[in-house]
Amino acid sequence: MQAPLCLGDQAPLFSARSTEGDFSLDNFPGHWLFLLFCHEAFDAIATTEIVSLSGNIGLFSKKKCQPLIITGSSLFSNLAWLHSIHHHNTVEMDLPIIEDPTYEIFNAYQCHNYKKKNRSFFLIDSMNNIRWVCHYPSNVGLDIEEILRTLTALQHNDQNNTLSPADWHPGEPNIFHTVSDRKTMISMGEKWFYCLQ
């Protein structure tokens, strides 16, 4: 039986064809990755998601994060999907869409909910560690701002050894880690467990 994927686990490696050529997960060394799994091309909600991702690609690039879309459709269906989006929205779609018609990649990432046409995404850091996982229903689209907010928070906390409080946004105070020794606790007073940066 396959062990469940957990936060901090290494993301399963894979190679496949994409709309930008042959693809391997290690094509982006030193980058974070945002993997979006959707069951098939021409899904209405997924179409709005990739249009939004494409419109925000510059913000992801500033964070050294590459969005990738994985579908259960063939390469040629994915190409036709991109062509249709470009035709109707005049949006240049340079996001790689990866084919997975046998659902091998879906299964490696335990996205078994494709049978119900639900979707999933994974945020993977530059060391190939899974940092965020979300499985969500087919009738609700992504909030790209929340994805960028969490990406920013994770990167900031990694660099500064801090925590991000509820409703945190870039530029706002972070929390220092709770201390675990008596002398430091006494020196910090009442804020020993909740010290904003």
N, C-alpha and C. Protein backbone atom coordinates (compact mmCIF):
# COMPACT_ATOMS: atom_id res chain seq x y z
N MET A 1 0.84 -1.21 0.00
CA MET A 1 0.00 0.00 0.00
C MET A 1 0.88 1.25 0.00
N GLN A 2 0.51 2.21 -0.83
CA GLN A 2 1.29 3.44 -0.97
C GLN A 2 1.17 4.30 0.28
N ALA A 3 2.33 4.73 0.82
CA ALA A 3 2.32 5.61 1.99
C ALA A 3 1.77 6.97 1.59
N PRO A 4 0.98 7.61 2.47
CA PRO A 4 0.41 8.91 2.11
C PRO A 4 1.49 9.98 1.99
N LEU A 5 1.32 10.87 1.04
CA LEU A 5 2.23 12.00 0.90
C LEU A 5 1.93 13.02 1.98
N CYS A 6 2.97 13.50 2.65
CA CYS A 6 2.81 14.47 3.73
C CYS A 6 3.62 15.72 3.43
N LEU A 7 3.29 16.80 4.10
CA LEU A 7 4.09 18.01 3.99
C LEU A 7 5.52 17.71 4.42
N GLY A 8 6.48 18.17 3.64
CA GLY A 8 7.88 17.90 3.93
C GLY A 8 8.43 16.72 3.16
N ASP A 9 7.55 15.88 2.60
CA ASP A 9 8.01 14.75 1.78
C ASP A 9 8.59 15.24 0.47
N GLN A 10 9.45 14.43 -0.11
CA GLN A 10 9.97 14.72 -1.44
C GLN A 10 8.86 14.52 -2.48
N ALA A 11 8.74 15.46 -3.40
CA ALA A 11 7.74 15.34 -4.46
C ALA A 11 8.16 14.23 -5.43
N PRO A 12 7.23 13.37 -5.82
CA PRO A 12 7.57 12.31 -6.78
C PRO A 12 8.07 12.90 -8.10
N LEU A 13 9.15 12.36 -8.60
CA LEU A 13 9.70 12.81 -9.88
C LEU A 13 8.94 12.17 -11.03
N PHE A 14 8.88 12.87 -12.15
CA PHE A 14 8.23 12.32 -13.34
C PHE A 14 8.75 13.01 -14.58
N SER A 15 8.54 12.37 -15.71
CA SER A 15 8.84 12.94 -17.02
C SER A 15 7.63 12.68 -17.92
N ALA A 16 7.31 13.65 -18.77
CA ALA A 16 6.15 13.52 -19.64
C ALA A 16 6.22 14.56 -20.75
N ARG A 17 5.33 14.42 -21.72
CA ARG A 17 5.23 15.42 -22.78
C ARG A 17 4.38 16.59 -22.30
N SER A 18 4.75 17.78 -22.75
CA SER A 18 3.97 18.97 -22.40
C SER A 18 3.79 19.84 -23.62
N THR A 19 2.96 20.86 -23.49
CA THR A 19 2.73 21.79 -24.59
C THR A 19 3.94 22.67 -24.87
N GLU A 20 4.96 22.60 -24.01
CA GLU A 20 6.21 23.33 -24.23
C GLU A 20 7.37 22.37 -24.51
N GLY A 21 7.05 21.13 -24.89
CA GLY A 21 8.08 20.14 -25.20
C GLY A 21 8.19 19.10 -24.10
N ASP A 22 9.15 18.20 -24.24
CA ASP A 22 9.35 17.16 -23.24
C ASP A 22 9.68 17.80 -21.90
N PHE A 23 9.09 17.23 -20.86
CA PHE A 23 9.19 17.85 -19.54
C PHE A 23 9.67 16.85 -18.50
N SER A 24 10.49 17.34 -17.57
CA SER A 24 10.89 16.58 -16.40
C SER A 24 10.78 17.50 -15.20
N LEU A 25 10.43 16.95 -14.05
CA LEU A 25 10.22 17.77 -12.86
C LEU A 25 11.48 18.52 -12.45
N ASP A 26 12.64 18.00 -12.82
CA ASP A 26 13.89 18.67 -12.46
C ASP A 26 14.37 19.64 -13.52
N ASN A 27 13.44 20.10 -14.40
CA ASN A 27 13.79 21.10 -15.42
C ASN A 27 14.02 22.49 -14.85
N PHE A 28 13.64 22.70 -13.59
CA PHE A 28 13.70 24.04 -13.00
C PHE A 28 14.53 24.02 -11.72
N PRO A 29 15.83 23.77 -11.81
CA PRO A 29 16.66 23.73 -10.59
C PRO A 29 16.66 25.07 -9.87
N GLY A 30 16.56 25.03 -8.54
CA GLY A 30 16.56 26.25 -7.74
C GLY A 30 15.25 26.98 -7.73
N HIS A 31 14.21 26.44 -8.35
CA HIS A 31 12.90 27.08 -8.41
C HIS A 31 11.88 26.33 -7.56
N TRP A 32 10.89 27.07 -7.10
CA TRP A 32 9.69 26.47 -6.53
C TRP A 32 8.77 26.08 -7.69
N LEU A 33 7.88 25.15 -7.43
CA LEU A 33 6.93 24.70 -8.45
C LEU A 33 5.51 24.72 -7.88
N PHE A 34 4.58 25.15 -8.72
CA PHE A 34 3.16 25.08 -8.38
C PHE A 34 2.51 24.12 -9.35
N LEU A 35 2.13 22.94 -8.88
CA LEU A 35 1.53 21.91 -9.72
C LEU A 35 0.01 21.91 -9.54
N LEU A 36 -0.70 22.15 -10.63
CA LEU A 36 -2.16 22.13 -10.62
C LEU A 36 -2.64 20.91 -11.40
N PHE A 37 -3.38 20.03 -10.73
CA PHE A 37 -3.93 18.83 -11.37
C PHE A 37 -5.40 19.07 -11.71
N CYS A 38 -5.74 18.95 -12.99
CA CYS A 38 -7.15 19.00 -13.38
C CYS A 38 -7.45 17.81 -14.30
N HIS A 39 -8.64 17.27 -14.21
CA HIS A 39 -8.94 15.96 -14.79
C HIS A 39 -8.89 15.95 -16.30
N GLU A 40 -9.20 17.07 -16.97
CA GLU A 40 -9.22 17.04 -18.43
C GLU A 40 -9.16 18.45 -19.00
N ALA A 41 -8.73 18.52 -20.25
CA ALA A 41 -8.72 19.78 -20.97
C ALA A 41 -10.16 20.25 -21.20
N PHE A 42 -10.30 21.54 -21.46
CA PHE A 42 -11.58 22.17 -21.77
C PHE A 42 -12.54 22.18 -20.57
N ASP A 43 -12.02 21.99 -19.37
CA ASP A 43 -12.84 22.17 -18.18
C ASP A 43 -13.04 23.67 -17.97
N ALA A 44 -14.29 24.08 -17.72
CA ALA A 44 -14.61 25.51 -17.67
C ALA A 44 -13.88 26.22 -16.52
N ILE A 45 -13.94 25.65 -15.30
CA ILE A 45 -13.29 26.30 -14.16
C ILE A 45 -11.78 26.28 -14.34
N ALA A 46 -11.24 25.16 -14.77
CA ALA A 46 -9.79 25.07 -14.99
C ALA A 46 -9.33 26.09 -16.03
N THR A 47 -10.19 26.36 -17.02
CA THR A 47 -9.84 27.37 -18.03
C THR A 47 -9.65 28.74 -17.37
N THR A 48 -10.56 29.10 -16.47
CA THR A 48 -10.40 30.39 -15.78
C THR A 48 -9.15 30.40 -14.92
N GLU A 49 -8.80 29.24 -14.37
CA GLU A 49 -7.62 29.17 -13.50
C GLU A 49 -6.33 29.37 -14.29
N ILE A 50 -6.22 28.73 -15.44
CA ILE A 50 -4.96 28.88 -16.17
C ILE A 50 -4.86 30.26 -16.83
N VAL A 51 -6.01 30.88 -17.16
CA VAL A 51 -5.98 32.26 -17.65
C VAL A 51 -5.47 33.17 -16.53
N SER A 52 -5.95 32.95 -15.31
CA SER A 52 -5.50 33.76 -14.18
C SER A 52 -4.03 33.50 -13.87
N LEU A 53 -3.61 32.24 -13.89
CA LEU A 53 -2.20 31.92 -13.66
C LEU A 53 -1.32 32.59 -14.70
N SER A 54 -1.74 32.55 -15.96
CA SER A 54 -0.96 33.17 -17.02
C SER A 54 -0.87 34.68 -16.83
N GLY A 55 -1.99 35.29 -16.38
CA GLY A 55 -1.99 36.73 -16.16
C GLY A 55 -1.13 37.16 -14.97
N ASN A 56 -0.83 36.21 -14.09
CA ASN A 56 -0.02 36.51 -12.92
C ASN A 56 1.37 35.86 -12.97
N ILE A 57 1.76 35.41 -14.16
CA ILE A 57 3.02 34.67 -14.28
C ILE A 57 4.21 35.51 -13.84
N GLY A 58 4.14 36.83 -14.05
CA GLY A 58 5.23 37.71 -13.63
C GLY A 58 5.43 37.71 -12.13
N LEU A 59 4.32 37.63 -11.36
CA LEU A 59 4.41 37.60 -9.90
C LEU A 59 5.01 36.28 -9.43
N PHE A 60 4.65 35.19 -10.10
CA PHE A 60 5.26 33.90 -9.77
C PHE A 60 6.75 33.91 -10.12
N SER A 61 7.09 34.50 -11.24
CA SER A 61 8.49 34.55 -11.67
C SER A 61 9.35 35.31 -10.67
N LYS A 62 8.80 36.40 -10.10
CA LYS A 62 9.55 37.17 -9.10
C LYS A 62 9.87 36.32 -7.87
N LYS A 63 9.03 35.33 -7.62
CA LYS A 63 9.24 34.43 -6.48
C LYS A 63 9.99 33.16 -6.90
N LYS A 64 10.48 33.16 -8.13
CA LYS A 64 11.18 31.97 -8.67
C LYS A 64 10.31 30.73 -8.50
N CYS A 65 9.07 30.87 -8.93
CA CYS A 65 8.11 29.76 -8.86
C CYS A 65 7.49 29.54 -10.23
N GLN A 66 7.52 28.31 -10.71
CA GLN A 66 6.99 27.97 -12.03
C GLN A 66 5.67 27.22 -11.89
N PRO A 67 4.56 27.80 -12.37
CA PRO A 67 3.29 27.05 -12.39
C PRO A 67 3.30 26.00 -13.50
N LEU A 68 2.74 24.84 -13.22
CA LEU A 68 2.60 23.74 -14.18
C LEU A 68 1.21 23.16 -14.05
N ILE A 69 0.60 22.81 -15.18
CA ILE A 69 -0.72 22.21 -15.17
C ILE A 69 -0.60 20.78 -15.67
N ILE A 70 -1.24 19.85 -14.98
CA ILE A 70 -1.22 18.44 -15.36
C ILE A 70 -2.66 18.00 -15.59
N THR A 71 -2.93 17.46 -16.76
CA THR A 71 -4.30 17.01 -17.07
C THR A 71 -4.29 15.51 -17.43
N GLY A 72 -5.47 14.93 -17.36
CA GLY A 72 -5.64 13.55 -17.80
C GLY A 72 -5.89 13.45 -19.29
N SER A 73 -5.73 14.54 -20.01
CA SER A 73 -5.96 14.57 -21.45
C SER A 73 -4.65 14.37 -22.21
N SER A 74 -4.77 14.11 -23.50
CA SER A 74 -3.58 13.91 -24.34
C SER A 74 -2.92 15.25 -24.66
N LEU A 75 -1.69 15.17 -25.13
CA LEU A 75 -0.95 16.37 -25.52
C LEU A 75 -1.74 17.19 -26.54
N PHE A 76 -2.34 16.51 -27.52
CA PHE A 76 -3.01 17.23 -28.60
C PHE A 76 -4.31 17.89 -28.11
N SER A 77 -4.98 17.27 -27.15
CA SER A 77 -6.15 17.92 -26.53
C SER A 77 -5.72 19.16 -25.76
N ASN A 78 -4.59 19.06 -25.06
CA ASN A 78 -4.09 20.21 -24.32
C ASN A 78 -3.68 21.35 -25.25
N LEU A 79 -3.06 21.00 -26.38
CA LEU A 79 -2.69 22.02 -27.37
C LEU A 79 -3.94 22.70 -27.94
N ALA A 80 -4.96 21.90 -28.24
CA ALA A 80 -6.20 22.47 -28.76
C ALA A 80 -6.87 23.37 -27.72
N TRP A 81 -6.79 22.98 -26.49
CA TRP A 81 -7.34 23.79 -25.38
C TRP A 81 -6.65 25.15 -25.32
N LEU A 82 -5.33 25.15 -25.36
CA LEU A 82 -4.58 26.40 -25.33
C LEU A 82 -4.92 27.27 -26.54
N HIS A 83 -5.03 26.64 -27.71
CA HIS A 83 -5.36 27.40 -28.92
C HIS A 83 -6.73 28.06 -28.78
N SER A 84 -7.69 27.32 -28.21
CA SER A 84 -9.04 27.87 -28.04
C SER A 84 -9.02 29.03 -27.05
N ILE A 85 -8.28 28.89 -25.96
CA ILE A 85 -8.18 29.98 -24.97
C ILE A 85 -7.56 31.21 -25.60
N HIS A 86 -6.49 31.01 -26.36
CA HIS A 86 -5.83 32.14 -27.01
C HIS A 86 -6.77 32.81 -28.01
N HIS A 87 -7.54 32.01 -28.72
CA HIS A 87 -8.45 32.55 -29.73
C HIS A 87 -9.56 33.40 -29.08
N HIS A 88 -10.08 32.96 -27.96
CA HIS A 88 -11.21 33.65 -27.34
C HIS A 88 -10.80 34.75 -26.36
N ASN A 89 -9.59 34.67 -25.83
CA ASN A 89 -9.17 35.63 -24.81
C ASN A 89 -7.96 36.47 -25.22
N THR A 90 -7.41 36.18 -26.39
CA THR A 90 -6.17 36.83 -26.87
C THR A 90 -5.12 36.87 -25.76
N VAL A 91 -5.03 35.76 -25.01
CA VAL A 91 -4.05 35.60 -23.95
C VAL A 91 -2.94 34.69 -24.44
N GLU A 92 -1.69 35.12 -24.31
CA GLU A 92 -0.57 34.28 -24.67
C GLU A 92 -0.33 33.27 -23.56
N MET A 93 -0.54 32.00 -23.87
CA MET A 93 -0.47 30.95 -22.86
C MET A 93 0.87 30.24 -22.96
N ASP A 94 1.82 30.65 -22.11
CA ASP A 94 3.13 30.00 -22.14
C ASP A 94 3.35 29.10 -20.92
N LEU A 95 2.25 28.69 -20.26
CA LEU A 95 2.35 27.75 -19.16
C LEU A 95 2.43 26.33 -19.69
N PRO A 96 3.37 25.54 -19.21
CA PRO A 96 3.42 24.13 -19.65
C PRO A 96 2.21 23.36 -19.15
N ILE A 97 1.52 22.70 -20.06
CA ILE A 97 0.44 21.78 -19.69
C ILE A 97 0.91 20.38 -20.02
N ILE A 98 0.94 19.53 -19.01
CA ILE A 98 1.55 18.21 -19.10
C ILE A 98 0.46 17.16 -19.28
N GLU A 99 0.68 16.24 -20.21
CA GLU A 99 -0.31 15.19 -20.43
C GLU A 99 -0.08 14.03 -19.45
N ASP A 100 -1.19 13.46 -19.01
CA ASP A 100 -1.13 12.27 -18.14
C ASP A 100 -2.37 11.41 -18.38
N PRO A 101 -2.54 10.94 -19.63
CA PRO A 101 -3.78 10.20 -19.96
C PRO A 101 -3.94 8.88 -19.22
N THR A 102 -2.85 8.32 -18.71
CA THR A 102 -2.96 7.08 -17.92
C THR A 102 -3.08 7.36 -16.42
N TYR A 103 -3.05 8.62 -16.05
CA TYR A 103 -3.15 9.07 -14.66
C TYR A 103 -2.01 8.53 -13.79
N GLU A 104 -0.87 8.26 -14.40
CA GLU A 104 0.28 7.78 -13.64
C GLU A 104 0.80 8.85 -12.68
N ILE A 105 0.87 10.11 -13.17
CA ILE A 105 1.35 11.20 -12.32
C ILE A 105 0.30 11.51 -11.26
N PHE A 106 -0.97 11.52 -11.66
CA PHE A 106 -2.06 11.73 -10.70
C PHE A 106 -1.93 10.74 -9.54
N ASN A 107 -1.72 9.48 -9.86
CA ASN A 107 -1.64 8.45 -8.83
C ASN A 107 -0.39 8.60 -7.99
N ALA A 108 0.73 8.99 -8.60
CA ALA A 108 1.96 9.20 -7.84
C ALA A 108 1.78 10.29 -6.78
N TYR A 109 0.96 11.31 -7.12
CA TYR A 109 0.68 12.40 -6.19
C TYR A 109 -0.61 12.16 -5.40
N GLN A 110 -1.17 10.96 -5.55
CA GLN A 110 -2.35 10.55 -4.80
C GLN A 110 -3.55 11.46 -5.03
N CYS A 111 -3.68 11.92 -6.25
CA CYS A 111 -4.82 12.76 -6.64
C CYS A 111 -5.92 11.87 -7.21
N HIS A 112 -6.40 10.95 -6.40
CA HIS A 112 -7.38 9.98 -6.88
C HIS A 112 -8.75 10.61 -7.09
N ASN A 113 -8.92 11.84 -6.65
CA ASN A 113 -10.23 12.47 -6.78
C ASN A 113 -10.54 12.90 -8.22
N TYR A 114 -9.60 12.61 -9.17
CA TYR A 114 -9.90 12.93 -10.57
C TYR A 114 -11.14 12.16 -11.04
N LYS A 115 -11.42 11.03 -10.40
CA LYS A 115 -12.59 10.25 -10.79
C LYS A 115 -13.88 11.02 -10.53
N LYS A 116 -13.82 11.95 -9.59
CA LYS A 116 -14.98 12.81 -9.29
C LYS A 116 -14.83 14.19 -9.92
N LYS A 117 -13.80 14.34 -10.74
CA LYS A 117 -13.51 15.59 -11.46
C LYS A 117 -13.13 16.72 -10.51
N ASN A 118 -12.72 16.38 -9.29
CA ASN A 118 -12.19 17.39 -8.39
C ASN A 118 -10.75 17.68 -8.76
N ARG A 119 -10.17 18.75 -8.17
CA ARG A 119 -8.82 19.14 -8.56
C ARG A 119 -7.92 19.25 -7.33
N SER A 120 -6.63 19.31 -7.57
CA SER A 120 -5.64 19.38 -6.49
C SER A 120 -4.51 20.28 -6.93
N PHE A 121 -3.81 20.87 -5.94
CA PHE A 121 -2.56 21.53 -6.27
C PHE A 121 -1.52 21.26 -5.20
N PHE A 122 -0.25 21.37 -5.61
CA PHE A 122 0.89 21.16 -4.73
C PHE A 122 1.85 22.33 -4.91
N LEU A 123 2.37 22.83 -3.80
CA LEU A 123 3.44 23.82 -3.83
C LEU A 123 4.70 23.12 -3.36
N ILE A 124 5.72 23.14 -4.21
CA ILE A 124 6.96 22.39 -3.97
C ILE A 124 8.12 23.38 -3.93
N ASP A 125 8.97 23.27 -2.90
CA ASP A 125 10.05 24.24 -2.78
C ASP A 125 11.26 23.87 -3.63
N SER A 126 12.29 24.69 -3.57
CA SER A 126 13.46 24.52 -4.43
C SER A 126 14.29 23.29 -4.07
N MET A 127 13.99 22.67 -2.93
CA MET A 127 14.67 21.43 -2.53
C MET A 127 13.79 20.21 -2.81
N ASN A 128 12.72 20.44 -3.59
CA ASN A 128 11.78 19.39 -4.00
C ASN A 128 10.95 18.84 -2.84
N ASN A 129 10.77 19.66 -1.80
CA ASN A 129 9.92 19.27 -0.67
C ASN A 129 8.49 19.78 -0.88
N ILE A 130 7.52 18.96 -0.58
CA ILE A 130 6.12 19.37 -0.65
C ILE A 130 5.82 20.30 0.52
N ARG A 131 5.37 21.51 0.24
CA ARG A 131 5.14 22.51 1.29
C ARG A 131 3.66 22.83 1.50
N TRP A 132 2.85 22.60 0.49
CA TRP A 132 1.41 22.89 0.63
C TRP A 132 0.66 21.98 -0.33
N VAL A 133 -0.43 21.40 0.17
CA VAL A 133 -1.28 20.53 -0.64
C VAL A 133 -2.73 20.97 -0.43
N CYS A 134 -3.48 20.98 -1.51
CA CYS A 134 -4.91 21.31 -1.39
C CYS A 134 -5.70 20.49 -2.39
N HIS A 135 -6.75 19.82 -1.91
CA HIS A 135 -7.72 19.13 -2.75
C HIS A 135 -9.02 19.92 -2.64
N TYR A 136 -9.59 20.28 -3.77
CA TYR A 136 -10.76 21.15 -3.70
C TYR A 136 -11.79 20.76 -4.76
N PRO A 137 -13.06 21.17 -4.58
CA PRO A 137 -14.14 20.70 -5.44
C PRO A 137 -14.10 21.31 -6.84
N SER A 138 -14.74 20.60 -7.75
CA SER A 138 -14.68 20.98 -9.17
C SER A 138 -15.46 22.25 -9.49
N ASN A 139 -16.34 22.67 -8.59
CA ASN A 139 -17.19 23.83 -8.90
C ASN A 139 -16.70 25.13 -8.28
N VAL A 140 -15.47 25.14 -7.74
CA VAL A 140 -14.89 26.35 -7.15
C VAL A 140 -13.48 26.53 -7.71
N GLY A 141 -13.19 27.74 -8.21
CA GLY A 141 -11.87 28.00 -8.76
C GLY A 141 -10.87 28.44 -7.71
N LEU A 142 -9.61 28.43 -8.09
CA LEU A 142 -8.52 28.84 -7.21
C LEU A 142 -8.58 30.33 -6.87
N ASP A 143 -7.98 30.67 -5.75
CA ASP A 143 -7.73 32.07 -5.40
C ASP A 143 -6.22 32.29 -5.59
N ILE A 144 -5.85 32.88 -6.72
CA ILE A 144 -4.44 33.05 -7.05
C ILE A 144 -3.75 33.96 -6.04
N GLU A 145 -4.45 34.95 -5.53
CA GLU A 145 -3.86 35.84 -4.52
C GLU A 145 -3.47 35.06 -3.26
N GLU A 146 -4.30 34.11 -2.86
CA GLU A 146 -3.99 33.33 -1.66
C GLU A 146 -2.78 32.42 -1.90
N ILE A 147 -2.68 31.89 -3.11
CA ILE A 147 -1.52 31.06 -3.44
C ILE A 147 -0.24 31.90 -3.38
N LEU A 148 -0.29 33.08 -3.94
CA LEU A 148 0.89 33.97 -3.91
C LEU A 148 1.20 34.42 -2.49
N ARG A 149 0.16 34.68 -1.69
CA ARG A 149 0.37 35.08 -0.30
C ARG A 149 1.08 33.97 0.48
N THR A 150 0.61 32.75 0.32
CA THR A 150 1.20 31.63 1.05
C THR A 150 2.61 31.34 0.54
N LEU A 151 2.82 31.42 -0.75
CA LEU A 151 4.16 31.25 -1.31
C LEU A 151 5.12 32.27 -0.72
N THR A 152 4.69 33.53 -0.67
CA THR A 152 5.52 34.60 -0.10
C THR A 152 5.81 34.33 1.37
N ALA A 153 4.79 33.90 2.12
CA ALA A 153 4.96 33.63 3.55
C ALA A 153 5.94 32.49 3.78
N LEU A 154 5.81 31.42 3.02
CA LEU A 154 6.71 30.27 3.20
C LEU A 154 8.15 30.66 2.91
N GLN A 155 8.36 31.39 1.82
CA GLN A 155 9.72 31.80 1.47
C GLN A 155 10.30 32.76 2.50
N HIS A 156 9.48 33.70 2.96
CA HIS A 156 9.94 34.67 3.96
C HIS A 156 10.29 33.96 5.27
N ASN A 157 9.44 33.04 5.70
CA ASN A 157 9.68 32.33 6.95
C ASN A 157 10.90 31.43 6.87
N ASP A 158 11.13 30.83 5.71
CA ASP A 158 12.32 30.00 5.53
C ASP A 158 13.59 30.85 5.69
N GLN A 159 13.55 32.05 5.16
CA GLN A 159 14.73 32.92 5.17
C GLN A 159 14.94 33.58 6.53
N ASN A 160 13.86 33.78 7.30
CA ASN A 160 13.96 34.57 8.53
C ASN A 160 13.62 33.80 9.81
N ASN A 161 13.30 32.52 9.68
CA ASN A 161 12.96 31.69 10.83
C ASN A 161 11.82 32.30 11.64
N THR A 162 10.75 32.68 10.93
CA THR A 162 9.59 33.30 11.55
C THR A 162 8.33 32.51 11.24
N LEU A 163 7.20 32.96 11.76
CA LEU A 163 5.89 32.39 11.52
C LEU A 163 4.97 33.49 11.00
N SER A 164 4.01 33.13 10.17
CA SER A 164 3.07 34.12 9.65
C SER A 164 1.72 33.96 10.34
N PRO A 165 1.21 35.02 10.99
CA PRO A 165 -0.06 34.92 11.71
C PRO A 165 -1.26 34.90 10.76
N ALA A 166 -2.42 34.69 11.32
CA ALA A 166 -3.66 34.70 10.54
C ALA A 166 -3.81 36.03 9.79
N ASP A 167 -4.28 35.94 8.56
CA ASP A 167 -4.56 37.12 7.73
C ASP A 167 -3.32 37.94 7.40
N TRP A 168 -2.15 37.31 7.54
CA TRP A 168 -0.89 38.01 7.24
C TRP A 168 -0.79 38.33 5.75
N HIS A 169 -0.19 39.49 5.46
CA HIS A 169 0.12 39.87 4.08
C HIS A 169 1.55 40.41 4.03
N PRO A 170 2.19 40.31 2.87
CA PRO A 170 3.57 40.77 2.75
C PRO A 170 3.75 42.19 3.28
N GLY A 171 4.81 42.39 4.07
CA GLY A 171 5.11 43.68 4.67
C GLY A 171 4.61 43.83 6.09
N GLU A 172 3.73 42.92 6.51
CA GLU A 172 3.21 42.98 7.87
C GLU A 172 4.10 42.19 8.82
N PRO A 173 3.96 42.45 10.15
CA PRO A 173 4.83 41.76 11.12
C PRO A 173 4.64 40.25 11.12
N ASN A 174 5.70 39.53 11.39
CA ASN A 174 5.67 38.09 11.57
C ASN A 174 5.88 37.76 13.04
N ILE A 175 5.72 36.51 13.38
CA ILE A 175 5.90 36.05 14.76
C ILE A 175 7.21 35.29 14.88
N PHE A 176 7.96 35.58 15.93
CA PHE A 176 9.13 34.78 16.24
C PHE A 176 8.68 33.44 16.80
N HIS A 177 9.50 32.43 16.60
CA HIS A 177 9.17 31.12 17.16
C HIS A 177 9.07 31.19 18.68
N THR A 178 8.13 30.44 19.23
CA THR A 178 7.96 30.39 20.68
C THR A 178 9.23 29.85 21.34
N VAL A 179 9.65 30.51 22.39
CA VAL A 179 10.87 30.07 23.07
C VAL A 179 10.58 28.83 23.92
N SER A 180 11.62 28.06 24.21
CA SER A 180 11.41 26.82 24.94
C SER A 180 12.34 26.68 26.14
N ASP A 181 12.96 27.80 26.57
CA ASP A 181 13.78 27.72 27.78
C ASP A 181 13.39 28.84 28.74
N ARG A 182 13.55 28.60 30.01
CA ARG A 182 13.05 29.48 31.06
C ARG A 182 13.69 30.87 31.05
N LYS A 183 15.01 30.95 30.86
CA LYS A 183 15.69 32.24 30.95
C LYS A 183 15.23 33.18 29.82
N THR A 184 15.12 32.63 28.63
CA THR A 184 14.65 33.46 27.51
C THR A 184 13.21 33.88 27.74
N MET A 185 12.41 32.98 28.25
CA MET A 185 11.01 33.29 28.52
C MET A 185 10.89 34.45 29.50
N ILE A 186 11.68 34.42 30.57
CA ILE A 186 11.64 35.49 31.57
C ILE A 186 12.09 36.82 30.97
N SER A 187 13.13 36.77 30.12
CA SER A 187 13.65 38.01 29.55
C SER A 187 12.66 38.65 28.58
N MET A 188 11.79 37.84 27.97
CA MET A 188 10.84 38.38 27.01
C MET A 188 9.54 38.83 27.66
N GLY A 189 9.32 38.47 28.91
CA GLY A 189 8.11 38.89 29.60
C GLY A 189 6.86 38.22 29.05
N GLU A 190 5.76 38.97 28.99
CA GLU A 190 4.47 38.39 28.62
C GLU A 190 4.39 37.98 27.15
N LYS A 191 5.32 38.46 26.34
CA LYS A 191 5.26 38.17 24.91
C LYS A 191 6.10 36.94 24.53
N TRP A 192 6.46 36.11 25.51
CA TRP A 192 7.36 34.99 25.22
C TRP A 192 6.78 33.99 24.22
N PHE A 193 5.44 33.89 24.14
CA PHE A 193 4.84 32.94 23.22
C PHE A 193 4.25 33.62 21.98
N TYR A 194 4.26 34.95 21.97
CA TYR A 194 3.61 35.69 20.88
C TYR A 194 4.36 37.00 20.68
N CYS A 195 5.50 36.89 20.03
CA CYS A 195 6.34 38.08 19.84
C CYS A 195 6.38 38.45 18.37
N LEU A 196 5.74 39.56 18.03
CA LEU A 196 5.75 40.02 16.64
C LEU A 196 7.10 40.61 16.29
N GLN A 197 7.51 40.37 15.05
CA GLN A 197 8.81 40.85 14.58
C GLN A 197 8.79 42.37 14.43
